[in-house]
């Protein structure tokens, strides 16, 4: 009986030490292992998934409109925005419409509604931009500085608005 107890104790110690050795081996990283980092996501992406940043438009005046497919005021102001885009085409303007919805949803909206805008996906959080309701539009000058912010739906194609946007420096 004494031999059985001794054998059992030795077997238990041996099994326990093997588990500890396995744990120790697992916690040590391999020398040649590559640490994978989460890729940095661009703030915006075109509808094909290519990264975009507002800095890409430096040297141009930018009107960026944040909208959503479910936002009735957003959709109602789009015809005026489209007319304004045509009026300001010779004024070094880029119009960009950004939504945080999926690119598939944005593409479907574009296809179904037929609006000829540069639609992009916004990958950030509206909180970062202090946006609490849609639509919201920002206008940047050629140096990339924010010069106007418009909260809510606007009448974009008025003589006053056109003149205001033409005089941005």
N, C-alpha and C. Protein backbone atom coordinates (compact mmCIF):
# COMPACT_ATOMS: atom_id res chain seq x y z
N UNK A 1 0.81 -1.17 0.00
CA UNK A 1 0.00 0.00 0.00
C UNK A 1 0.86 1.25 0.00
N UNK A 2 1.98 1.19 0.71
CA UNK A 2 2.87 2.32 0.79
C UNK A 2 3.45 2.63 -0.58
N UNK A 3 3.72 1.62 -1.38
CA UNK A 3 4.27 1.80 -2.72
C UNK A 3 3.23 2.46 -3.62
N UNK A 4 1.97 2.03 -3.53
CA UNK A 4 0.91 2.62 -4.34
C UNK A 4 0.74 4.11 -4.02
N UNK A 5 0.78 4.45 -2.77
CA UNK A 5 0.63 5.84 -2.35
C UNK A 5 1.80 6.66 -2.86
N UNK A 6 3.01 6.14 -2.78
CA UNK A 6 4.19 6.84 -3.26
C UNK A 6 4.11 7.04 -4.77
N UNK A 7 3.73 5.96 -5.50
CA UNK A 7 3.58 6.08 -6.96
C UNK A 7 2.51 7.11 -7.33
N UNK A 8 1.40 7.07 -6.64
CA UNK A 8 0.33 8.01 -6.91
C UNK A 8 0.80 9.45 -6.67
N UNK A 9 1.53 9.70 -5.59
CA UNK A 9 2.05 11.03 -5.27
C UNK A 9 3.03 11.50 -6.33
N UNK A 10 3.93 10.58 -6.76
CA UNK A 10 4.89 10.93 -7.81
C UNK A 10 4.19 11.25 -9.13
N UNK A 11 3.18 10.46 -9.47
CA UNK A 11 2.42 10.68 -10.69
C UNK A 11 1.69 12.04 -10.64
N UNK A 12 1.11 12.35 -9.50
CA UNK A 12 0.42 13.63 -9.31
C UNK A 12 1.40 14.79 -9.46
N UNK A 13 2.55 14.71 -8.86
CA UNK A 13 3.57 15.77 -8.94
C UNK A 13 4.05 15.93 -10.38
N UNK A 14 4.27 14.81 -11.05
CA UNK A 14 4.72 14.83 -12.43
C UNK A 14 3.69 15.49 -13.34
N UNK A 15 2.42 15.13 -13.19
CA UNK A 15 1.34 15.73 -14.01
C UNK A 15 1.21 17.22 -13.73
N UNK A 16 1.29 17.60 -12.49
CA UNK A 16 1.17 19.01 -12.12
C UNK A 16 2.31 19.82 -12.70
N UNK A 17 3.51 19.30 -12.65
CA UNK A 17 4.66 20.04 -13.16
C UNK A 17 4.60 20.17 -14.68
N UNK A 18 4.03 19.19 -15.38
CA UNK A 18 3.89 19.27 -16.84
C UNK A 18 2.92 20.37 -17.21
N UNK A 19 1.82 20.51 -16.46
CA UNK A 19 0.85 21.57 -16.73
C UNK A 19 1.49 22.94 -16.54
N UNK A 20 2.29 23.08 -15.47
CA UNK A 20 2.97 24.35 -15.21
C UNK A 20 3.95 24.67 -16.32
N UNK A 21 4.64 23.65 -16.84
CA UNK A 21 5.59 23.86 -17.92
C UNK A 21 4.87 24.30 -19.19
N UNK A 22 3.70 23.70 -19.46
CA UNK A 22 2.93 24.08 -20.64
C UNK A 22 2.46 25.53 -20.53
N UNK A 23 2.00 25.93 -19.33
CA UNK A 23 1.56 27.31 -19.13
C UNK A 23 2.72 28.27 -19.33
N UNK A 24 3.87 27.94 -18.82
CA UNK A 24 5.05 28.80 -18.95
C UNK A 24 5.43 28.94 -20.42
N UNK A 25 5.38 27.85 -21.18
CA UNK A 25 5.73 27.91 -22.60
C UNK A 25 4.72 28.75 -23.39
N UNK A 26 3.46 28.69 -23.01
CA UNK A 26 2.44 29.45 -23.73
C UNK A 26 2.57 30.95 -23.48
N UNK A 27 3.02 31.34 -22.32
CA UNK A 27 3.08 32.76 -22.00
C UNK A 27 4.27 33.46 -22.63
N UNK A 28 5.26 32.69 -23.09
CA UNK A 28 6.43 33.30 -23.73
C UNK A 28 6.16 33.49 -25.22
N UNK A 29 6.26 34.73 -25.72
CA UNK A 29 6.04 34.92 -27.15
C UNK A 29 7.20 34.34 -27.95
N UNK A 30 6.90 33.86 -29.13
CA UNK A 30 7.96 33.35 -29.99
C UNK A 30 8.80 34.51 -30.46
N UNK A 31 10.07 34.26 -30.64
CA UNK A 31 10.98 35.34 -31.04
C UNK A 31 10.66 35.88 -32.43
N UNK A 32 10.23 35.04 -33.34
CA UNK A 32 9.97 35.47 -34.71
C UNK A 32 8.51 35.85 -34.95
N UNK A 33 7.70 35.83 -33.89
CA UNK A 33 6.28 36.16 -34.07
C UNK A 33 6.14 37.64 -34.35
N UNK A 34 5.25 37.98 -35.28
CA UNK A 34 4.99 39.37 -35.62
C UNK A 34 3.79 39.83 -34.81
N UNK A 35 3.96 40.93 -34.10
CA UNK A 35 2.85 41.49 -33.34
C UNK A 35 1.92 42.20 -34.31
N UNK A 36 0.67 41.78 -34.36
CA UNK A 36 -0.26 42.43 -35.28
C UNK A 36 -0.89 43.62 -34.58
N UNK A 37 -0.86 44.75 -35.27
CA UNK A 37 -1.47 45.95 -34.75
C UNK A 37 -2.76 46.18 -35.49
N UNK A 38 -3.73 46.76 -34.80
CA UNK A 38 -5.00 47.08 -35.45
C UNK A 38 -4.71 48.21 -36.44
N UNK A 39 -5.12 48.05 -37.71
CA UNK A 39 -4.83 49.10 -38.68
C UNK A 39 -5.56 50.39 -38.33
N UNK A 40 -4.91 51.48 -38.60
CA UNK A 40 -5.51 52.78 -38.36
C UNK A 40 -6.57 53.00 -39.43
N UNK A 41 -7.76 53.33 -39.00
CA UNK A 41 -8.86 53.53 -39.95
C UNK A 41 -8.95 55.01 -40.31
N UNK A 42 -9.05 55.28 -41.60
CA UNK A 42 -9.21 56.65 -42.06
C UNK A 42 -10.53 57.20 -41.57
N UNK A 43 -10.60 58.50 -41.44
CA UNK A 43 -11.82 59.13 -40.97
C UNK A 43 -12.96 58.93 -41.96
N UNK A 44 -12.63 58.90 -43.24
CA UNK A 44 -13.63 58.74 -44.29
C UNK A 44 -13.16 57.66 -45.27
N UNK A 45 -14.10 57.18 -46.06
CA UNK A 45 -13.76 56.24 -47.13
C UNK A 45 -14.72 56.49 -48.30
N UNK A 46 -14.19 56.32 -49.52
CA UNK A 46 -15.10 56.42 -50.67
C UNK A 46 -15.95 55.15 -50.71
N UNK A 47 -16.85 55.07 -51.64
CA UNK A 47 -17.78 53.94 -51.67
C UNK A 47 -17.13 52.64 -52.08
N UNK A 48 -15.86 52.69 -52.49
CA UNK A 48 -15.11 51.47 -52.80
C UNK A 48 -14.23 51.05 -51.62
N UNK A 49 -14.28 51.83 -50.53
CA UNK A 49 -13.52 51.50 -49.33
C UNK A 49 -12.16 52.15 -49.26
N UNK A 50 -11.80 52.98 -50.24
CA UNK A 50 -10.50 53.66 -50.22
C UNK A 50 -10.51 54.78 -49.18
N UNK A 51 -9.44 54.88 -48.38
CA UNK A 51 -9.41 55.89 -47.33
C UNK A 51 -9.34 57.32 -47.89
N UNK A 52 -10.02 58.22 -47.20
CA UNK A 52 -10.04 59.64 -47.56
C UNK A 52 -9.91 60.45 -46.27
N UNK A 53 -9.23 61.54 -46.35
CA UNK A 53 -9.18 62.51 -45.26
C UNK A 53 -9.52 63.87 -45.83
N UNK A 54 -10.05 64.75 -45.01
CA UNK A 54 -10.36 66.10 -45.49
C UNK A 54 -9.11 66.82 -45.98
N UNK A 55 -7.98 66.48 -45.42
CA UNK A 55 -6.71 67.09 -45.84
C UNK A 55 -6.41 66.79 -47.31
N UNK A 56 -7.00 65.73 -47.85
CA UNK A 56 -6.82 65.40 -49.26
C UNK A 56 -7.37 66.49 -50.17
N UNK A 57 -8.27 67.32 -49.64
CA UNK A 57 -8.91 68.37 -50.44
C UNK A 57 -8.28 69.74 -50.20
N UNK A 58 -7.15 69.79 -49.50
CA UNK A 58 -6.51 71.07 -49.23
C UNK A 58 -6.20 71.77 -50.55
N UNK A 59 -6.45 73.08 -50.58
CA UNK A 59 -6.30 73.83 -51.81
C UNK A 59 -7.64 74.04 -52.51
N UNK A 60 -8.67 73.38 -51.99
CA UNK A 60 -10.03 73.53 -52.51
C UNK A 60 -10.92 74.01 -51.37
N UNK A 61 -12.01 74.63 -51.74
CA UNK A 61 -13.06 74.94 -50.77
C UNK A 61 -13.91 73.68 -50.66
N UNK A 62 -14.25 73.31 -49.44
CA UNK A 62 -14.99 72.06 -49.22
C UNK A 62 -16.27 72.35 -48.47
N UNK A 63 -17.37 71.83 -49.02
CA UNK A 63 -18.64 71.81 -48.29
C UNK A 63 -18.92 70.34 -48.01
N UNK A 64 -18.89 69.99 -46.73
CA UNK A 64 -19.17 68.61 -46.34
C UNK A 64 -20.48 68.59 -45.56
N UNK A 65 -21.38 67.77 -46.04
CA UNK A 65 -22.72 67.67 -45.47
C UNK A 65 -22.86 66.28 -44.84
N UNK A 66 -23.18 66.25 -43.55
CA UNK A 66 -23.41 64.99 -42.84
C UNK A 66 -24.91 64.71 -42.88
N UNK A 67 -25.26 63.51 -43.32
CA UNK A 67 -26.65 63.17 -43.59
C UNK A 67 -26.88 61.69 -43.31
N UNK A 68 -28.12 61.24 -43.49
CA UNK A 68 -28.45 59.82 -43.36
C UNK A 68 -29.61 59.49 -44.30
N UNK A 69 -29.66 58.23 -44.70
CA UNK A 69 -30.71 57.80 -45.62
C UNK A 69 -32.10 57.89 -44.98
N UNK A 70 -32.18 57.83 -43.69
CA UNK A 70 -33.45 57.86 -42.96
C UNK A 70 -33.86 59.29 -42.59
N UNK A 71 -33.02 60.27 -42.86
CA UNK A 71 -33.23 61.65 -42.41
C UNK A 71 -33.99 62.44 -43.48
N UNK A 72 -35.26 62.69 -43.23
CA UNK A 72 -36.10 63.40 -44.20
C UNK A 72 -35.57 64.80 -44.52
N UNK A 73 -35.21 65.63 -43.51
CA UNK A 73 -34.67 66.96 -43.84
C UNK A 73 -33.38 66.89 -44.67
N UNK A 74 -32.57 65.85 -44.43
CA UNK A 74 -31.33 65.67 -45.21
C UNK A 74 -31.66 65.49 -46.68
N UNK A 75 -32.63 64.63 -46.94
CA UNK A 75 -33.00 64.31 -48.31
C UNK A 75 -33.70 65.50 -48.97
N UNK A 76 -34.51 66.22 -48.22
CA UNK A 76 -35.24 67.36 -48.76
C UNK A 76 -34.31 68.50 -49.19
N UNK A 77 -33.15 68.63 -48.55
CA UNK A 77 -32.24 69.72 -48.93
C UNK A 77 -31.29 69.33 -50.07
N UNK A 78 -31.26 68.06 -50.44
CA UNK A 78 -30.33 67.61 -51.48
C UNK A 78 -30.55 68.25 -52.85
N UNK A 79 -31.78 68.44 -53.32
CA UNK A 79 -31.93 69.11 -54.62
C UNK A 79 -31.33 70.52 -54.62
N UNK A 80 -31.50 71.28 -53.53
CA UNK A 80 -30.90 72.61 -53.42
C UNK A 80 -29.37 72.51 -53.40
N UNK A 81 -28.85 71.53 -52.66
CA UNK A 81 -27.39 71.33 -52.62
C UNK A 81 -26.85 70.99 -54.01
N UNK A 82 -27.59 70.20 -54.75
CA UNK A 82 -27.18 69.83 -56.10
C UNK A 82 -27.11 71.06 -57.01
N UNK A 83 -28.11 71.93 -56.91
CA UNK A 83 -28.11 73.17 -57.69
C UNK A 83 -26.94 74.06 -57.27
N UNK A 84 -26.71 74.15 -55.96
CA UNK A 84 -25.60 74.97 -55.46
C UNK A 84 -24.27 74.41 -55.94
N UNK A 85 -24.14 73.11 -55.96
CA UNK A 85 -22.91 72.48 -56.47
C UNK A 85 -22.64 72.92 -57.91
N UNK A 86 -23.68 72.95 -58.73
CA UNK A 86 -23.53 73.41 -60.12
C UNK A 86 -23.16 74.88 -60.19
N UNK A 87 -23.80 75.71 -59.37
CA UNK A 87 -23.53 77.15 -59.37
C UNK A 87 -22.09 77.44 -58.95
N UNK A 88 -21.58 76.68 -57.99
CA UNK A 88 -20.23 76.93 -57.45
C UNK A 88 -19.15 76.08 -58.11
N UNK A 89 -19.47 75.40 -59.18
CA UNK A 89 -18.50 74.52 -59.86
C UNK A 89 -17.25 75.28 -60.28
N UNK A 90 -17.39 76.53 -60.67
CA UNK A 90 -16.23 77.32 -61.13
C UNK A 90 -15.55 78.07 -59.99
N UNK A 91 -15.98 77.84 -58.74
CA UNK A 91 -15.44 78.56 -57.58
C UNK A 91 -14.49 77.71 -56.74
N UNK A 92 -13.94 76.64 -57.31
CA UNK A 92 -12.98 75.78 -56.63
C UNK A 92 -13.60 75.05 -55.42
N UNK A 93 -14.85 74.66 -55.55
CA UNK A 93 -15.56 73.94 -54.48
C UNK A 93 -15.60 72.45 -54.75
N UNK A 94 -15.55 71.69 -53.66
CA UNK A 94 -15.79 70.26 -53.67
C UNK A 94 -16.95 70.03 -52.70
N UNK A 95 -17.97 69.36 -53.17
CA UNK A 95 -19.10 68.99 -52.32
C UNK A 95 -18.96 67.52 -51.96
N UNK A 96 -19.06 67.23 -50.66
CA UNK A 96 -18.92 65.86 -50.17
C UNK A 96 -20.08 65.61 -49.21
N UNK A 97 -20.77 64.51 -49.40
CA UNK A 97 -21.87 64.13 -48.51
C UNK A 97 -21.46 62.89 -47.75
N UNK A 98 -21.35 63.02 -46.43
CA UNK A 98 -20.83 61.95 -45.58
C UNK A 98 -21.92 61.37 -44.69
N UNK A 99 -21.97 60.04 -44.67
CA UNK A 99 -22.91 59.32 -43.82
C UNK A 99 -22.16 58.24 -43.06
N UNK A 100 -22.61 57.95 -41.86
CA UNK A 100 -21.97 56.88 -41.09
C UNK A 100 -22.62 55.52 -41.36
N UNK A 101 -23.53 55.47 -42.32
CA UNK A 101 -24.17 54.22 -42.68
C UNK A 101 -23.23 53.39 -43.57
N UNK A 102 -23.60 52.16 -43.83
CA UNK A 102 -22.74 51.27 -44.62
C UNK A 102 -22.63 51.77 -46.07
N UNK A 103 -21.52 51.45 -46.70
CA UNK A 103 -21.33 51.87 -48.10
C UNK A 103 -22.41 51.25 -48.99
N UNK A 104 -22.85 50.04 -48.67
CA UNK A 104 -23.92 49.42 -49.47
C UNK A 104 -25.20 50.24 -49.39
N UNK A 105 -25.53 50.70 -48.20
CA UNK A 105 -26.75 51.49 -48.02
C UNK A 105 -26.62 52.83 -48.74
N UNK A 106 -25.44 53.46 -48.66
CA UNK A 106 -25.22 54.74 -49.34
C UNK A 106 -25.29 54.55 -50.85
N UNK A 107 -24.66 53.51 -51.36
CA UNK A 107 -24.71 53.23 -52.80
C UNK A 107 -26.13 52.99 -53.29
N UNK A 108 -26.90 52.25 -52.53
CA UNK A 108 -28.30 51.98 -52.89
C UNK A 108 -29.08 53.29 -52.93
N UNK A 109 -28.87 54.14 -51.94
CA UNK A 109 -29.54 55.44 -51.91
C UNK A 109 -29.16 56.26 -53.14
N UNK A 110 -27.88 56.30 -53.44
CA UNK A 110 -27.39 57.07 -54.59
C UNK A 110 -28.02 56.54 -55.89
N UNK A 111 -28.04 55.26 -56.03
CA UNK A 111 -28.60 54.62 -57.23
C UNK A 111 -30.11 54.88 -57.33
N UNK A 112 -30.82 54.70 -56.22
CA UNK A 112 -32.28 54.86 -56.23
C UNK A 112 -32.72 56.31 -56.41
N UNK A 113 -31.99 57.24 -55.81
CA UNK A 113 -32.40 58.65 -55.83
C UNK A 113 -31.79 59.43 -57.00
N UNK A 114 -30.65 58.97 -57.51
CA UNK A 114 -30.03 59.61 -58.66
C UNK A 114 -29.34 60.94 -58.37
N UNK A 115 -28.99 61.21 -57.13
CA UNK A 115 -28.27 62.43 -56.80
C UNK A 115 -26.80 62.29 -57.20
N UNK A 116 -26.29 63.27 -57.94
CA UNK A 116 -24.92 63.22 -58.43
C UNK A 116 -23.98 63.96 -57.47
N UNK A 117 -23.73 63.33 -56.35
CA UNK A 117 -22.82 63.88 -55.35
C UNK A 117 -21.65 62.93 -55.16
N UNK A 118 -20.62 63.45 -54.51
CA UNK A 118 -19.50 62.63 -54.06
C UNK A 118 -19.89 62.12 -52.67
N UNK A 119 -20.56 60.97 -52.62
CA UNK A 119 -20.96 60.37 -51.36
C UNK A 119 -19.78 59.61 -50.77
N UNK A 120 -19.58 59.76 -49.45
CA UNK A 120 -18.52 59.04 -48.76
C UNK A 120 -19.06 58.48 -47.44
N UNK A 121 -18.32 57.54 -46.88
CA UNK A 121 -18.67 56.96 -45.59
C UNK A 121 -17.85 57.64 -44.50
N UNK A 122 -18.52 58.06 -43.45
CA UNK A 122 -17.85 58.63 -42.29
C UNK A 122 -17.60 57.52 -41.29
N UNK A 123 -16.35 57.29 -40.92
CA UNK A 123 -15.98 56.20 -40.02
C UNK A 123 -15.87 56.63 -38.56
N UNK A 124 -16.05 57.90 -38.31
CA UNK A 124 -15.93 58.38 -36.94
C UNK A 124 -17.25 58.39 -36.20
N UNK A 125 -17.25 59.07 -35.10
CA UNK A 125 -18.45 59.23 -34.28
C UNK A 125 -18.91 60.68 -34.40
N UNK A 126 -20.20 60.87 -34.55
CA UNK A 126 -20.73 62.24 -34.65
C UNK A 126 -20.41 63.06 -33.40
N UNK A 127 -20.26 62.39 -32.27
CA UNK A 127 -19.88 63.10 -31.04
C UNK A 127 -18.56 63.83 -31.20
N UNK A 128 -17.63 63.24 -31.96
CA UNK A 128 -16.32 63.87 -32.18
C UNK A 128 -16.46 65.22 -32.88
N UNK A 129 -17.51 65.37 -33.66
CA UNK A 129 -17.74 66.61 -34.41
C UNK A 129 -18.78 67.49 -33.74
N UNK A 130 -19.22 67.11 -32.56
CA UNK A 130 -20.25 67.83 -31.83
C UNK A 130 -21.54 67.92 -32.65
N UNK A 131 -21.88 66.81 -33.31
CA UNK A 131 -23.11 66.72 -34.10
C UNK A 131 -24.14 65.96 -33.27
N UNK A 132 -25.27 66.63 -33.00
CA UNK A 132 -26.33 66.01 -32.21
C UNK A 132 -27.56 65.68 -33.04
N UNK A 133 -27.68 66.29 -34.21
CA UNK A 133 -28.81 66.04 -35.10
C UNK A 133 -28.35 66.27 -36.54
N UNK A 134 -29.04 65.63 -37.47
CA UNK A 134 -28.70 65.75 -38.89
C UNK A 134 -29.78 66.54 -39.60
N UNK A 135 -29.46 67.19 -40.68
CA UNK A 135 -28.15 67.33 -41.32
C UNK A 135 -27.32 68.43 -40.65
N UNK A 136 -26.02 68.34 -40.86
CA UNK A 136 -25.07 69.37 -40.45
C UNK A 136 -24.08 69.52 -41.59
N UNK A 137 -23.75 70.76 -41.91
CA UNK A 137 -22.79 71.03 -42.98
C UNK A 137 -21.68 71.92 -42.46
N UNK A 138 -20.47 71.62 -42.91
CA UNK A 138 -19.30 72.43 -42.60
C UNK A 138 -18.73 72.93 -43.91
N UNK A 139 -18.21 74.15 -43.88
CA UNK A 139 -17.54 74.70 -45.05
C UNK A 139 -16.11 75.04 -44.63
N UNK A 140 -15.17 74.58 -45.45
CA UNK A 140 -13.74 74.81 -45.20
C UNK A 140 -13.17 75.66 -46.32
N UNK A 141 -12.25 76.56 -45.96
CA UNK A 141 -11.59 77.36 -46.99
C UNK A 141 -10.46 76.56 -47.62
N UNK A 142 -9.74 77.18 -48.55
CA UNK A 142 -8.68 76.49 -49.28
C UNK A 142 -7.50 76.09 -48.40
N UNK A 143 -7.37 76.73 -47.24
CA UNK A 143 -6.31 76.36 -46.30
C UNK A 143 -6.74 75.21 -45.38
N UNK A 144 -7.98 74.75 -45.53
CA UNK A 144 -8.47 73.65 -44.71
C UNK A 144 -9.05 74.09 -43.39
N UNK A 145 -9.32 75.37 -43.22
CA UNK A 145 -9.87 75.90 -41.98
C UNK A 145 -11.39 75.95 -42.06
N UNK A 146 -12.04 75.53 -40.99
CA UNK A 146 -13.50 75.60 -40.94
C UNK A 146 -13.91 77.07 -40.87
N UNK A 147 -14.79 77.48 -41.78
CA UNK A 147 -15.25 78.88 -41.79
C UNK A 147 -16.73 79.01 -41.51
N UNK A 148 -17.51 77.96 -41.76
CA UNK A 148 -18.94 77.98 -41.46
C UNK A 148 -19.38 76.62 -40.99
N UNK A 149 -20.42 76.67 -40.15
CA UNK A 149 -21.11 75.46 -39.74
C UNK A 149 -22.60 75.77 -39.82
N UNK A 150 -23.34 74.89 -40.46
CA UNK A 150 -24.78 75.04 -40.60
C UNK A 150 -25.46 73.82 -40.00
N UNK A 151 -26.22 74.02 -38.94
CA UNK A 151 -26.97 72.94 -38.31
C UNK A 151 -28.40 72.97 -38.82
N UNK A 152 -28.88 71.82 -39.23
CA UNK A 152 -30.25 71.71 -39.74
C UNK A 152 -30.30 71.88 -41.24
N UNK A 153 -31.46 71.60 -41.79
CA UNK A 153 -31.66 71.73 -43.24
C UNK A 153 -31.62 73.21 -43.62
N UNK A 154 -31.05 73.48 -44.79
CA UNK A 154 -30.88 74.86 -45.25
C UNK A 154 -31.52 75.04 -46.62
N UNK A 155 -31.82 76.28 -46.93
CA UNK A 155 -32.15 76.65 -48.30
C UNK A 155 -30.82 77.07 -48.93
N UNK A 156 -30.22 76.16 -49.64
CA UNK A 156 -28.86 76.34 -50.13
C UNK A 156 -28.78 77.22 -51.37
N UNK A 157 -29.76 77.16 -52.20
CA UNK A 157 -29.65 77.83 -53.50
C UNK A 157 -30.32 79.20 -53.50
N UNK A 158 -29.99 80.02 -52.51
CA UNK A 158 -30.50 81.39 -52.46
C UNK A 158 -29.37 82.32 -52.89
N UNK A 159 -29.69 83.51 -53.42
CA UNK A 159 -28.63 84.45 -53.80
C UNK A 159 -27.72 84.81 -52.62
N UNK A 160 -28.30 84.93 -51.43
CA UNK A 160 -27.49 85.29 -50.24
C UNK A 160 -26.50 84.18 -49.91
N UNK A 161 -26.96 82.93 -49.94
CA UNK A 161 -26.08 81.81 -49.63
C UNK A 161 -24.98 81.68 -50.68
N UNK A 162 -25.36 81.81 -51.94
CA UNK A 162 -24.37 81.71 -53.02
C UNK A 162 -23.31 82.78 -52.84
N UNK A 163 -23.72 84.01 -52.56
CA UNK A 163 -22.77 85.11 -52.38
C UNK A 163 -21.89 84.86 -51.16
N UNK A 164 -22.48 84.39 -50.07
CA UNK A 164 -21.70 84.11 -48.86
C UNK A 164 -20.63 83.06 -49.12
N UNK A 165 -20.99 82.02 -49.84
CA UNK A 165 -20.04 80.94 -50.12
C UNK A 165 -18.98 81.35 -51.16
N UNK A 166 -19.34 82.24 -52.06
CA UNK A 166 -18.37 82.71 -53.06
C UNK A 166 -17.29 83.58 -52.43
N UNK A 167 -17.60 84.27 -51.34
CA UNK A 167 -16.65 85.21 -50.73
C UNK A 167 -15.71 84.58 -49.70
N UNK A 168 -15.80 83.28 -49.50
CA UNK A 168 -14.94 82.62 -48.53
C UNK A 168 -13.48 82.68 -48.97
N UNK A 169 -12.65 83.06 -48.03
CA UNK A 169 -11.20 83.08 -48.30
C UNK A 169 -10.47 82.20 -47.34
